[in-house]
Amino acid sequence: MKLPKELLNGCLIFIGIGVYFLLMNALGYADLFYLRLVNVFFVFYGVNRTIAMNLAEGKKTFIANAISAMTTSLVGVFLSIIGLVVYSYMQGGDSYVKSLPKTFLFGGNPSVNTYSICLLFEGIASSVIVTMLLMLYWNNRLTTD
């Protein structure tokens, strides 16, 4: 059975982000908030790959490619949030989240759920931005003849 390209590339985004964050944690760089911004490159890669695959298949409709690109990025975001929740509970739950750097999004003492929901909203917003940017980039290639 062949997986849809949106699911395949969304899983690639998830794997890339997961390995990157585990590597940052293992190397002791998890507290550097600006290194967490690198995860957007994994999203760019997965979404760009989906659009390129659509073009290779001859799909040049703007709306269909935008939906496919957005689906890819949202799959990556949702899988990443699920992975974060599982990892957080494996590391101690709310006490693990409280040990994370305070420079990221939150004041006070967020719970695993609060932390995850806030990252979900941030991930959805970044998915929309990445999709829009890549659709603008590919726009001249998507016009129908």
N, C-alpha and C. Protein backbone atom coordinates (compact mmCIF):
# COMPACT_ATOMS: atom_id res chain seq x y z
N MET A 1 0.83 -1.18 0.00
CA MET A 1 0.00 0.00 0.00
C MET A 1 0.88 1.25 0.00
N LYS A 2 0.60 2.15 -0.90
CA LYS A 2 1.39 3.37 -1.01
C LYS A 2 0.76 4.47 -0.16
N LEU A 3 1.57 5.09 0.68
CA LEU A 3 1.09 6.19 1.52
C LEU A 3 0.89 7.45 0.67
N PRO A 4 -0.13 8.24 1.00
CA PRO A 4 -0.27 9.52 0.30
C PRO A 4 0.96 10.39 0.56
N LYS A 5 1.34 11.18 -0.42
CA LYS A 5 2.55 12.00 -0.29
C LYS A 5 2.45 13.00 0.86
N GLU A 6 1.23 13.46 1.18
CA GLU A 6 1.07 14.39 2.29
C GLU A 6 1.42 13.72 3.62
N LEU A 7 0.99 12.49 3.77
CA LEU A 7 1.30 11.75 5.00
C LEU A 7 2.78 11.38 5.06
N LEU A 8 3.33 10.95 3.94
CA LEU A 8 4.75 10.60 3.88
C LEU A 8 5.64 11.80 4.21
N ASN A 9 5.37 12.93 3.58
CA ASN A 9 6.20 14.11 3.82
C ASN A 9 5.92 14.72 5.20
N GLY A 10 4.69 14.59 5.70
CA GLY A 10 4.40 15.02 7.07
C GLY A 10 5.17 14.19 8.07
N CYS A 11 5.30 12.89 7.80
CA CYS A 11 6.11 12.02 8.67
C CYS A 11 7.58 12.38 8.59
N LEU A 12 8.05 12.76 7.40
CA LEU A 12 9.44 13.22 7.27
C LEU A 12 9.69 14.49 8.09
N ILE A 13 8.71 15.39 8.09
CA ILE A 13 8.82 16.60 8.92
C ILE A 13 8.92 16.21 10.38
N PHE A 14 8.04 15.31 10.82
CA PHE A 14 8.03 14.85 12.21
C PHE A 14 9.35 14.20 12.60
N ILE A 15 9.85 13.33 11.74
CA ILE A 15 11.11 12.63 12.03
C ILE A 15 12.27 13.64 12.09
N GLY A 16 12.30 14.56 11.14
CA GLY A 16 13.36 15.57 11.14
C GLY A 16 13.34 16.42 12.40
N ILE A 17 12.17 16.91 12.77
CA ILE A 17 12.05 17.74 13.98
C ILE A 17 12.38 16.92 15.22
N GLY A 18 11.87 15.69 15.28
CA GLY A 18 12.13 14.84 16.45
C GLY A 18 13.60 14.54 16.64
N VAL A 19 14.27 14.15 15.57
CA VAL A 19 15.70 13.85 15.66
C VAL A 19 16.49 15.11 16.02
N TYR A 20 16.11 16.23 15.42
CA TYR A 20 16.80 17.49 15.70
C TYR A 20 16.70 17.87 17.18
N PHE A 21 15.49 17.80 17.73
CA PHE A 21 15.31 18.17 19.14
C PHE A 21 15.97 17.17 20.08
N LEU A 22 15.92 15.90 19.75
CA LEU A 22 16.62 14.92 20.60
C LEU A 22 18.13 15.14 20.56
N LEU A 23 18.65 15.47 19.38
CA LEU A 23 20.07 15.77 19.25
C LEU A 23 20.46 17.03 20.02
N MET A 24 19.62 18.07 19.93
CA MET A 24 19.88 19.29 20.70
C MET A 24 19.88 19.01 22.19
N ASN A 25 18.94 18.17 22.62
CA ASN A 25 18.86 17.82 24.04
C ASN A 25 20.08 17.02 24.47
N ALA A 26 20.51 16.08 23.64
CA ALA A 26 21.67 15.25 23.97
C ALA A 26 22.96 16.07 24.02
N LEU A 27 23.05 17.07 23.16
CA LEU A 27 24.26 17.92 23.13
C LEU A 27 24.23 19.06 24.14
N GLY A 28 23.09 19.21 24.83
CA GLY A 28 22.98 20.25 25.85
C GLY A 28 22.62 21.62 25.32
N TYR A 29 22.08 21.68 24.11
CA TYR A 29 21.71 22.97 23.52
C TYR A 29 20.21 23.21 23.56
N ALA A 30 19.46 22.43 24.30
CA ALA A 30 18.00 22.55 24.32
C ALA A 30 17.55 23.87 24.93
N ASP A 31 18.38 24.51 25.73
CA ASP A 31 17.97 25.77 26.36
C ASP A 31 18.20 26.99 25.47
N LEU A 32 18.80 26.83 24.31
CA LEU A 32 19.02 27.94 23.39
C LEU A 32 17.80 28.09 22.48
N PHE A 33 16.98 29.10 22.79
CA PHE A 33 15.69 29.22 22.11
C PHE A 33 15.84 29.48 20.62
N TYR A 34 16.88 30.19 20.21
CA TYR A 34 17.01 30.51 18.79
C TYR A 34 17.34 29.28 17.95
N LEU A 35 17.90 28.24 18.53
CA LEU A 35 18.15 27.00 17.79
C LEU A 35 16.85 26.24 17.52
N ARG A 36 15.82 26.53 18.33
CA ARG A 36 14.53 25.88 18.09
C ARG A 36 13.85 26.41 16.84
N LEU A 37 14.29 27.55 16.35
CA LEU A 37 13.70 28.12 15.14
C LEU A 37 14.12 27.37 13.89
N VAL A 38 15.15 26.54 14.00
CA VAL A 38 15.64 25.77 12.85
C VAL A 38 14.59 24.75 12.38
N ASN A 39 13.66 24.39 13.27
CA ASN A 39 12.67 23.38 12.88
C ASN A 39 11.82 23.82 11.69
N VAL A 40 11.75 25.11 11.43
CA VAL A 40 10.97 25.58 10.28
C VAL A 40 11.57 25.09 8.97
N PHE A 41 12.87 24.82 8.94
CA PHE A 41 13.49 24.30 7.72
C PHE A 41 13.00 22.89 7.39
N PHE A 42 12.70 22.11 8.42
CA PHE A 42 12.15 20.78 8.18
C PHE A 42 10.75 20.88 7.58
N VAL A 43 9.98 21.86 8.05
CA VAL A 43 8.65 22.08 7.50
C VAL A 43 8.76 22.56 6.05
N PHE A 44 9.67 23.49 5.78
CA PHE A 44 9.89 23.96 4.41
C PHE A 44 10.26 22.79 3.50
N TYR A 45 11.13 21.92 3.97
CA TYR A 45 11.56 20.79 3.16
C TYR A 45 10.39 19.88 2.80
N GLY A 46 9.61 19.49 3.81
CA GLY A 46 8.49 18.58 3.57
C GLY A 46 7.42 19.17 2.67
N VAL A 47 7.07 20.42 2.90
CA VAL A 47 6.03 21.06 2.09
C VAL A 47 6.53 21.27 0.66
N ASN A 48 7.76 21.72 0.52
CA ASN A 48 8.33 21.91 -0.82
C ASN A 48 8.38 20.59 -1.58
N ARG A 49 8.71 19.53 -0.88
CA ARG A 49 8.77 18.20 -1.51
C ARG A 49 7.39 17.76 -1.99
N THR A 50 6.36 18.05 -1.21
CA THR A 50 5.00 17.72 -1.62
C THR A 50 4.60 18.48 -2.88
N ILE A 51 4.88 19.77 -2.91
CA ILE A 51 4.53 20.57 -4.09
C ILE A 51 5.30 20.09 -5.31
N ALA A 52 6.58 19.79 -5.13
CA ALA A 52 7.39 19.29 -6.25
C ALA A 52 6.85 17.95 -6.76
N MET A 53 6.41 17.09 -5.85
CA MET A 53 5.83 15.79 -6.25
C MET A 53 4.53 16.01 -7.02
N ASN A 54 3.73 16.97 -6.57
CA ASN A 54 2.49 17.28 -7.28
C ASN A 54 2.79 17.77 -8.70
N LEU A 55 3.77 18.64 -8.82
CA LEU A 55 4.14 19.15 -10.15
C LEU A 55 4.66 18.02 -11.04
N ALA A 56 5.42 17.11 -10.47
CA ALA A 56 5.94 15.98 -11.25
C ALA A 56 4.81 15.08 -11.75
N GLU A 57 3.71 15.04 -10.98
CA GLU A 57 2.54 14.25 -11.38
C GLU A 57 1.65 15.01 -12.35
N GLY A 58 2.00 16.27 -12.63
CA GLY A 58 1.20 17.08 -13.56
C GLY A 58 0.08 17.86 -12.91
N LYS A 59 0.05 17.90 -11.60
CA LYS A 59 -0.99 18.66 -10.89
C LYS A 59 -0.52 20.11 -10.76
N LYS A 60 -1.17 20.99 -11.51
CA LYS A 60 -0.74 22.39 -11.51
C LYS A 60 -1.82 23.35 -11.01
N THR A 61 -2.87 22.81 -10.44
CA THR A 61 -3.93 23.66 -9.91
C THR A 61 -3.48 24.27 -8.58
N PHE A 62 -3.61 25.57 -8.48
CA PHE A 62 -3.13 26.29 -7.30
C PHE A 62 -3.83 25.81 -6.02
N ILE A 63 -5.14 25.75 -6.05
CA ILE A 63 -5.89 25.38 -4.84
C ILE A 63 -5.57 23.95 -4.40
N ALA A 64 -5.52 23.03 -5.34
CA ALA A 64 -5.22 21.64 -4.98
C ALA A 64 -3.82 21.52 -4.38
N ASN A 65 -2.86 22.24 -4.93
CA ASN A 65 -1.51 22.20 -4.38
C ASN A 65 -1.44 22.89 -3.02
N ALA A 66 -2.20 23.96 -2.85
CA ALA A 66 -2.21 24.65 -1.55
C ALA A 66 -2.80 23.74 -0.47
N ILE A 67 -3.86 23.04 -0.80
CA ILE A 67 -4.48 22.11 0.17
C ILE A 67 -3.52 20.97 0.49
N SER A 68 -2.87 20.45 -0.53
CA SER A 68 -1.90 19.37 -0.34
C SER A 68 -0.74 19.84 0.53
N ALA A 69 -0.23 21.05 0.27
CA ALA A 69 0.88 21.60 1.05
C ALA A 69 0.48 21.84 2.50
N MET A 70 -0.71 22.39 2.69
CA MET A 70 -1.19 22.67 4.05
C MET A 70 -1.42 21.37 4.82
N THR A 71 -1.95 20.36 4.14
CA THR A 71 -2.16 19.06 4.78
C THR A 71 -0.83 18.46 5.22
N THR A 72 0.18 18.57 4.37
CA THR A 72 1.50 18.05 4.72
C THR A 72 2.04 18.71 5.98
N SER A 73 1.99 20.04 6.02
CA SER A 73 2.55 20.74 7.18
C SER A 73 1.74 20.46 8.44
N LEU A 74 0.42 20.35 8.32
CA LEU A 74 -0.39 20.07 9.50
C LEU A 74 -0.16 18.66 10.02
N VAL A 75 0.05 17.70 9.13
CA VAL A 75 0.39 16.34 9.58
C VAL A 75 1.68 16.38 10.38
N GLY A 76 2.68 17.09 9.87
CA GLY A 76 3.95 17.23 10.59
C GLY A 76 3.78 17.88 11.95
N VAL A 77 2.96 18.93 12.02
CA VAL A 77 2.73 19.64 13.28
C VAL A 77 2.01 18.74 14.28
N PHE A 78 0.93 18.09 13.85
CA PHE A 78 0.17 17.25 14.77
C PHE A 78 1.00 16.08 15.28
N LEU A 79 1.76 15.44 14.40
CA LEU A 79 2.62 14.35 14.85
C LEU A 79 3.69 14.85 15.82
N SER A 80 4.23 16.02 15.56
CA SER A 80 5.25 16.60 16.45
C SER A 80 4.68 16.91 17.82
N ILE A 81 3.46 17.44 17.87
CA ILE A 81 2.84 17.74 19.16
C ILE A 81 2.54 16.45 19.92
N ILE A 82 2.07 15.45 19.22
CA ILE A 82 1.83 14.15 19.88
C ILE A 82 3.15 13.60 20.42
N GLY A 83 4.20 13.70 19.62
CA GLY A 83 5.52 13.25 20.08
C GLY A 83 5.99 14.04 21.29
N LEU A 84 5.74 15.36 21.30
CA LEU A 84 6.13 16.19 22.44
C LEU A 84 5.38 15.78 23.70
N VAL A 85 4.09 15.52 23.58
CA VAL A 85 3.30 15.12 24.75
C VAL A 85 3.82 13.79 25.30
N VAL A 86 4.04 12.83 24.42
CA VAL A 86 4.55 11.52 24.85
C VAL A 86 5.92 11.68 25.51
N TYR A 87 6.80 12.43 24.86
CA TYR A 87 8.15 12.64 25.41
C TYR A 87 8.09 13.37 26.75
N SER A 88 7.23 14.38 26.86
CA SER A 88 7.12 15.13 28.12
C SER A 88 6.68 14.23 29.26
N TYR A 89 5.70 13.38 29.00
CA TYR A 89 5.24 12.48 30.07
C TYR A 89 6.29 11.41 30.39
N MET A 90 7.07 11.01 29.41
CA MET A 90 8.15 10.05 29.68
C MET A 90 9.24 10.69 30.54
N GLN A 91 9.41 12.00 30.43
CA GLN A 91 10.45 12.70 31.18
C GLN A 91 9.96 13.24 32.52
N GLY A 92 8.70 13.03 32.85
CA GLY A 92 8.21 13.46 34.16
C GLY A 92 6.99 14.35 34.12
N GLY A 93 6.40 14.58 32.99
CA GLY A 93 5.16 15.34 32.89
C GLY A 93 5.34 16.82 33.15
N ASP A 94 4.52 17.35 34.05
CA ASP A 94 4.53 18.79 34.33
C ASP A 94 5.85 19.27 34.91
N SER A 95 6.52 18.42 35.68
CA SER A 95 7.82 18.82 36.24
C SER A 95 8.85 18.99 35.13
N TYR A 96 8.75 18.18 34.07
CA TYR A 96 9.66 18.33 32.93
C TYR A 96 9.39 19.64 32.20
N VAL A 97 8.12 19.97 31.99
CA VAL A 97 7.78 21.21 31.29
C VAL A 97 8.25 22.41 32.10
N LYS A 98 8.17 22.33 33.41
CA LYS A 98 8.62 23.44 34.26
C LYS A 98 10.13 23.61 34.20
N SER A 99 10.85 22.55 33.82
CA SER A 99 12.31 22.65 33.74
C SER A 99 12.77 23.24 32.41
N LEU A 100 11.85 23.38 31.45
CA LEU A 100 12.21 23.94 30.15
C LEU A 100 12.48 25.43 30.29
N PRO A 101 13.21 26.00 29.35
CA PRO A 101 13.56 27.42 29.44
C PRO A 101 12.33 28.31 29.52
N LYS A 102 12.42 29.33 30.32
CA LYS A 102 11.30 30.26 30.50
C LYS A 102 11.23 31.29 29.38
N THR A 103 12.21 31.30 28.50
CA THR A 103 12.25 32.30 27.44
C THR A 103 11.30 31.99 26.29
N PHE A 104 10.67 30.84 26.32
CA PHE A 104 9.83 30.43 25.22
C PHE A 104 8.38 30.74 25.50
N LEU A 105 7.63 31.44 24.94
CA LEU A 105 6.19 31.65 24.98
C LEU A 105 5.52 31.84 26.33
N PHE A 106 6.01 31.31 27.41
CA PHE A 106 5.19 31.20 28.60
C PHE A 106 5.76 31.97 29.78
N GLY A 107 4.84 32.45 30.59
CA GLY A 107 5.18 32.93 31.91
C GLY A 107 4.50 32.00 32.89
N GLY A 108 4.89 32.02 34.12
CA GLY A 108 4.25 31.15 35.09
C GLY A 108 4.71 29.71 34.97
N ASN A 109 3.83 28.82 35.31
CA ASN A 109 4.14 27.39 35.32
C ASN A 109 3.15 26.63 34.43
N PRO A 110 3.46 26.50 33.15
CA PRO A 110 2.53 25.79 32.26
C PRO A 110 2.55 24.28 32.51
N SER A 111 1.41 23.66 32.25
CA SER A 111 1.33 22.20 32.31
C SER A 111 1.71 21.65 30.94
N VAL A 112 1.81 20.34 30.85
CA VAL A 112 2.10 19.70 29.57
C VAL A 112 1.02 20.06 28.55
N ASN A 113 -0.23 20.04 28.99
CA ASN A 113 -1.33 20.35 28.08
C ASN A 113 -1.28 21.80 27.60
N THR A 114 -1.05 22.73 28.50
CA THR A 114 -0.96 24.14 28.13
C THR A 114 0.19 24.37 27.17
N TYR A 115 1.32 23.81 27.49
CA TYR A 115 2.51 23.93 26.65
C TYR A 115 2.25 23.37 25.26
N SER A 116 1.62 22.21 25.20
CA SER A 116 1.36 21.55 23.92
C SER A 116 0.33 22.30 23.09
N ILE A 117 -0.72 22.81 23.73
CA ILE A 117 -1.74 23.55 23.00
C ILE A 117 -1.16 24.84 22.44
N CYS A 118 -0.35 25.53 23.21
CA CYS A 118 0.29 26.75 22.71
C CYS A 118 1.21 26.45 21.54
N LEU A 119 1.98 25.38 21.64
CA LEU A 119 2.85 24.99 20.52
C LEU A 119 2.03 24.53 19.31
N LEU A 120 0.87 23.94 19.55
CA LEU A 120 0.00 23.55 18.45
C LEU A 120 -0.46 24.78 17.68
N PHE A 121 -0.90 25.82 18.40
CA PHE A 121 -1.33 27.05 17.73
C PHE A 121 -0.17 27.70 16.99
N GLU A 122 0.99 27.71 17.59
CA GLU A 122 2.17 28.26 16.92
C GLU A 122 2.51 27.45 15.68
N GLY A 123 2.40 26.14 15.78
CA GLY A 123 2.69 25.27 14.64
C GLY A 123 1.70 25.45 13.51
N ILE A 124 0.43 25.62 13.84
CA ILE A 124 -0.58 25.86 12.81
C ILE A 124 -0.31 27.19 12.11
N ALA A 125 0.02 28.22 12.89
CA ALA A 125 0.32 29.52 12.29
C ALA A 125 1.54 29.43 11.38
N SER A 126 2.58 28.73 11.82
CA SER A 126 3.77 28.61 10.98
C SER A 126 3.49 27.75 9.76
N SER A 127 2.57 26.79 9.87
CA SER A 127 2.18 25.98 8.72
C SER A 127 1.52 26.83 7.65
N VAL A 128 0.65 27.72 8.08
CA VAL A 128 -0.01 28.62 7.14
C VAL A 128 1.02 29.52 6.45
N ILE A 129 1.95 30.06 7.23
CA ILE A 129 2.97 30.96 6.68
C ILE A 129 3.87 30.22 5.69
N VAL A 130 4.34 29.04 6.06
CA VAL A 130 5.21 28.26 5.18
C VAL A 130 4.47 27.89 3.90
N THR A 131 3.22 27.47 4.03
CA THR A 131 2.44 27.11 2.85
C THR A 131 2.27 28.32 1.93
N MET A 132 1.94 29.46 2.50
CA MET A 132 1.76 30.66 1.69
C MET A 132 3.06 31.06 0.99
N LEU A 133 4.17 31.02 1.71
CA LEU A 133 5.45 31.39 1.11
C LEU A 133 5.83 30.46 -0.03
N LEU A 134 5.68 29.17 0.18
CA LEU A 134 6.04 28.22 -0.88
C LEU A 134 5.06 28.27 -2.05
N MET A 135 3.80 28.53 -1.78
CA MET A 135 2.85 28.66 -2.88
C MET A 135 3.16 29.92 -3.70
N LEU A 136 3.60 30.98 -3.05
CA LEU A 136 4.01 32.17 -3.80
C LEU A 136 5.26 31.87 -4.64
N TYR A 137 6.17 31.11 -4.07
CA TYR A 137 7.39 30.73 -4.80
C TYR A 137 7.06 29.90 -6.03
N TRP A 138 6.16 28.92 -5.86
CA TRP A 138 5.82 28.01 -6.94
C TRP A 138 4.72 28.55 -7.85
N ASN A 139 4.18 29.72 -7.55
CA ASN A 139 3.01 30.25 -8.26
C ASN A 139 3.20 30.28 -9.78
N ASN A 140 4.35 30.74 -10.26
CA ASN A 140 4.52 30.83 -11.71
C ASN A 140 4.65 29.45 -12.35
N ARG A 141 4.96 28.44 -11.59
CA ARG A 141 5.02 27.07 -12.12
C ARG A 141 3.68 26.36 -12.07
N LEU A 142 2.74 26.91 -11.30
CA LEU A 142 1.45 26.27 -11.12
C LEU A 142 0.37 26.79 -12.06
N THR A 143 0.66 27.85 -12.77
CA THR A 143 -0.38 28.40 -13.64
C THR A 143 -0.69 27.43 -14.76
N THR A 144 -1.94 27.32 -15.05
CA THR A 144 -2.37 26.41 -16.11
C THR A 144 -2.17 27.08 -17.45
N ASP A 145 -1.86 26.30 -18.44
CA ASP A 145 -1.59 26.86 -19.77
C ASP A 145 -2.86 27.10 -20.54
